[in-house]
Amino acid sequence: MPLLIEGRLEELGVKMPEGTGDLPLGFRIPGEVLSKPYGLREGDILVGRLLEVYELRHGLPRSDETLKELSDSEVKFVLRPLLSGDYLFLHRDTWLLLRDYGVAMPGRYALKVMLIKAIRSRTGEEVEIYPRRTVVP
């Protein structure tokens, strides 16, 4: 069971940690559901599965057959926890995947992601994220 995140891919207005893509794209979620309970730090890698990608037109979801190819792809984010929340930046590998599908554009696409584990950048230790039940922030 994972942490389930769904939202618009946004340009994050804070400094990017190392290992991210060329643009500061990702999500902001409450720190109470990720970094705080798991003791995660800046630079830790979050790994999950991409459940859905859809384009937003005038605020409404629009289906695209080509984007369905991305379903079940592995995705990674680089964490930057701040007082205002946890900033999850697209990892370089995920950035390249989404860029090649034309999805790496701020505000235009939404992602539904299931985060399964974190990898601590300092030690390489893997930590399961909410292994007992699905949590939605």
Foldseek 3Di string as FASTA:
>chain_A
DFEKDKDFWAQDPDDDDPQFAPTFTDDFDACVQPCVVVVAAFFKKWKWFWAFKFWADPNDTDDDPVRVVRGRPMFMWTWHQDPVGITTGGGHVRCVVCVVVVNPDHPTMMTIITTFWIQHPVPRDIDGRCPPDYHYD
